[in-house]
Protein backbone atom coordinates (compact mmCIF):
# COMPACT_ATOMS: atom_id res chain seq x y z
CA MET A 1 76.58 132.57 134.21
CA THR A 2 79.64 134.41 132.90
CA LEU A 3 80.30 131.68 130.35
CA LEU A 4 76.73 131.90 129.07
CA LEU A 5 77.00 135.69 128.77
CA ARG A 6 80.26 135.36 126.87
CA ILE A 7 78.74 132.85 124.46
CA ILE A 8 75.77 135.16 123.89
CA ALA A 9 78.09 138.14 123.33
CA TRP A 10 80.15 136.30 120.71
CA LEU A 11 77.05 134.88 118.98
CA LEU A 12 75.55 138.37 118.77
CA THR A 13 78.85 139.60 117.33
CA ALA A 14 78.84 136.86 114.71
CA ALA A 15 75.27 137.77 113.75
CA VAL A 16 76.16 141.47 113.43
CA VAL A 17 79.24 140.68 111.34
CA PHE A 18 77.16 138.49 109.03
CA ALA A 19 74.43 141.12 108.75
CA THR A 20 77.06 143.78 108.04
CA LEU A 21 79.23 141.93 105.55
CA GLY A 22 76.86 139.28 104.20
CA PRO A 23 74.54 139.61 101.23
CA PRO A 24 72.17 142.58 101.68
CA ARG A 25 69.10 140.39 101.13
CA TYR A 26 69.86 138.51 104.37
CA ARG A 27 70.02 141.65 106.47
CA PRO A 28 67.01 141.98 108.76
CA HIS A 29 64.78 145.01 108.23
CA SER A 30 62.40 146.57 110.71
CA GLU A 31 60.30 149.66 111.31
CA LEU A 32 63.24 151.18 113.21
CA GLY A 33 65.00 152.22 110.02
CA GLN A 34 68.68 151.68 109.29
CA ASP A 35 70.03 153.84 112.14
CA GLY A 36 67.59 152.31 114.62
CA GLU A 37 68.51 148.79 113.55
CA HIS A 38 72.21 149.60 113.89
CA ALA A 39 71.70 151.18 117.30
CA LEU A 40 69.66 148.26 118.62
CA ALA A 41 72.13 145.66 117.36
CA PHE A 42 75.17 147.40 118.81
CA VAL A 43 73.51 148.32 122.12
CA LEU A 44 72.77 144.61 122.58
CA VAL A 45 76.32 143.64 121.64
CA GLY A 46 77.76 146.28 123.99
CA LEU A 47 75.45 145.22 126.81
CA ALA A 48 76.34 141.56 126.33
CA PHE A 49 80.09 142.27 126.36
CA GLY A 50 79.74 144.69 129.27
CA LEU A 51 78.02 141.98 131.31
CA ALA A 52 80.31 139.18 130.11
CA TYR A 53 83.60 140.99 130.78
CA PRO A 54 82.90 143.26 133.78
CA ARG A 55 86.55 143.75 134.75
CA HIS A 56 87.54 144.97 131.28
CA ARG A 57 84.79 147.39 130.27
CA LEU A 58 87.03 150.29 129.24
CA LEU A 59 89.24 148.00 127.17
CA THR A 60 86.12 146.39 125.73
CA ALA A 61 84.80 149.81 124.67
CA VAL A 62 88.09 150.76 123.00
CA ILE A 63 88.31 147.44 121.16
CA ALA A 64 84.65 147.71 120.14
CA VAL A 65 85.14 151.16 118.58
CA ILE A 66 88.24 150.00 116.69
CA LEU A 67 86.58 146.83 115.42
CA ILE A 68 83.42 148.70 114.43
CA GLY A 69 85.65 150.96 112.33
CA VAL A 70 87.33 147.95 110.74
CA LEU A 71 83.93 146.38 110.07
CA GLU A 72 82.74 149.57 108.42
CA LEU A 73 85.87 149.76 106.24
CA LEU A 74 85.53 146.11 105.19
CA GLN A 75 82.23 147.06 103.57
CA LEU A 76 84.22 148.95 100.91
CA TRP A 77 85.11 145.57 99.39
CA MET A 78 81.70 143.92 99.78
CA PRO A 79 79.33 144.06 96.81
CA GLY A 80 76.14 145.93 97.61
CA ARG A 81 77.57 147.38 100.83
CA HIS A 82 78.59 150.93 101.62
CA ALA A 83 80.93 152.24 104.32
CA ARG A 84 79.39 155.31 105.92
CA TRP A 85 80.74 157.60 108.62
CA GLU A 86 77.21 157.93 110.06
CA ASP A 87 76.97 154.15 110.52
CA PHE A 88 80.32 154.08 112.31
CA VAL A 89 79.27 156.85 114.69
CA VAL A 90 75.88 155.29 115.46
CA ASP A 91 77.38 151.82 115.93
CA ALA A 92 80.26 152.99 118.15
CA LEU A 93 78.06 155.18 120.34
CA ALA A 94 75.47 152.42 120.66
CA ALA A 95 78.09 149.81 121.66
CA CYS A 96 79.52 152.18 124.27
CA ALA A 97 76.01 152.93 125.53
CA GLY A 98 75.39 149.19 125.94
CA ILE A 99 78.61 148.85 127.92
CA ALA A 100 77.58 151.83 130.05
CA VAL A 101 74.19 150.24 130.74
CA ALA A 102 76.00 147.08 131.89
CA SER A 103 78.02 149.23 134.33
CA ILE A 104 74.88 150.91 135.63
CA LEU A 105 73.15 147.55 136.08
CA GLU A 106 76.13 146.21 138.01
CA TRP A 107 76.27 149.33 140.20
CA ALA A 108 72.52 149.13 140.94
CA THR A 109 72.73 145.41 141.72
CA GLN A 110 75.62 145.93 144.13
CA ARG A 111 73.82 148.80 145.80
CA MET A 112 70.67 146.74 146.28
CA ARG A 113 72.69 143.89 147.79
CA ARG A 114 74.27 146.24 150.35
CA SER A 115 70.95 147.73 151.43
CA PRO A 116 69.39 146.05 154.48
């Protein structure tokens, strides 16, 4: 199960990197708006990594925030892309929220297993 979660986490990451740095016409659009799309994508990535690497959640959160910053800065050199502080904040908070949800899910699961 852990291997499957890790594969999913890295595939989601690859999709987010492509959507962030790839041609703008290939970026998915929804009714959520840009901030909503960013939040959903990074909550899913954070959740996937939080579930895939349960023993390293704090390190995962720190690495996620750093790499989200790098990803945002790389947009400065991509045609049709714009690095924005707001995007960084939304993405970093959403990734950390996903990791936090993974922790809560693990805590709830363990608690349910202990209950008679």
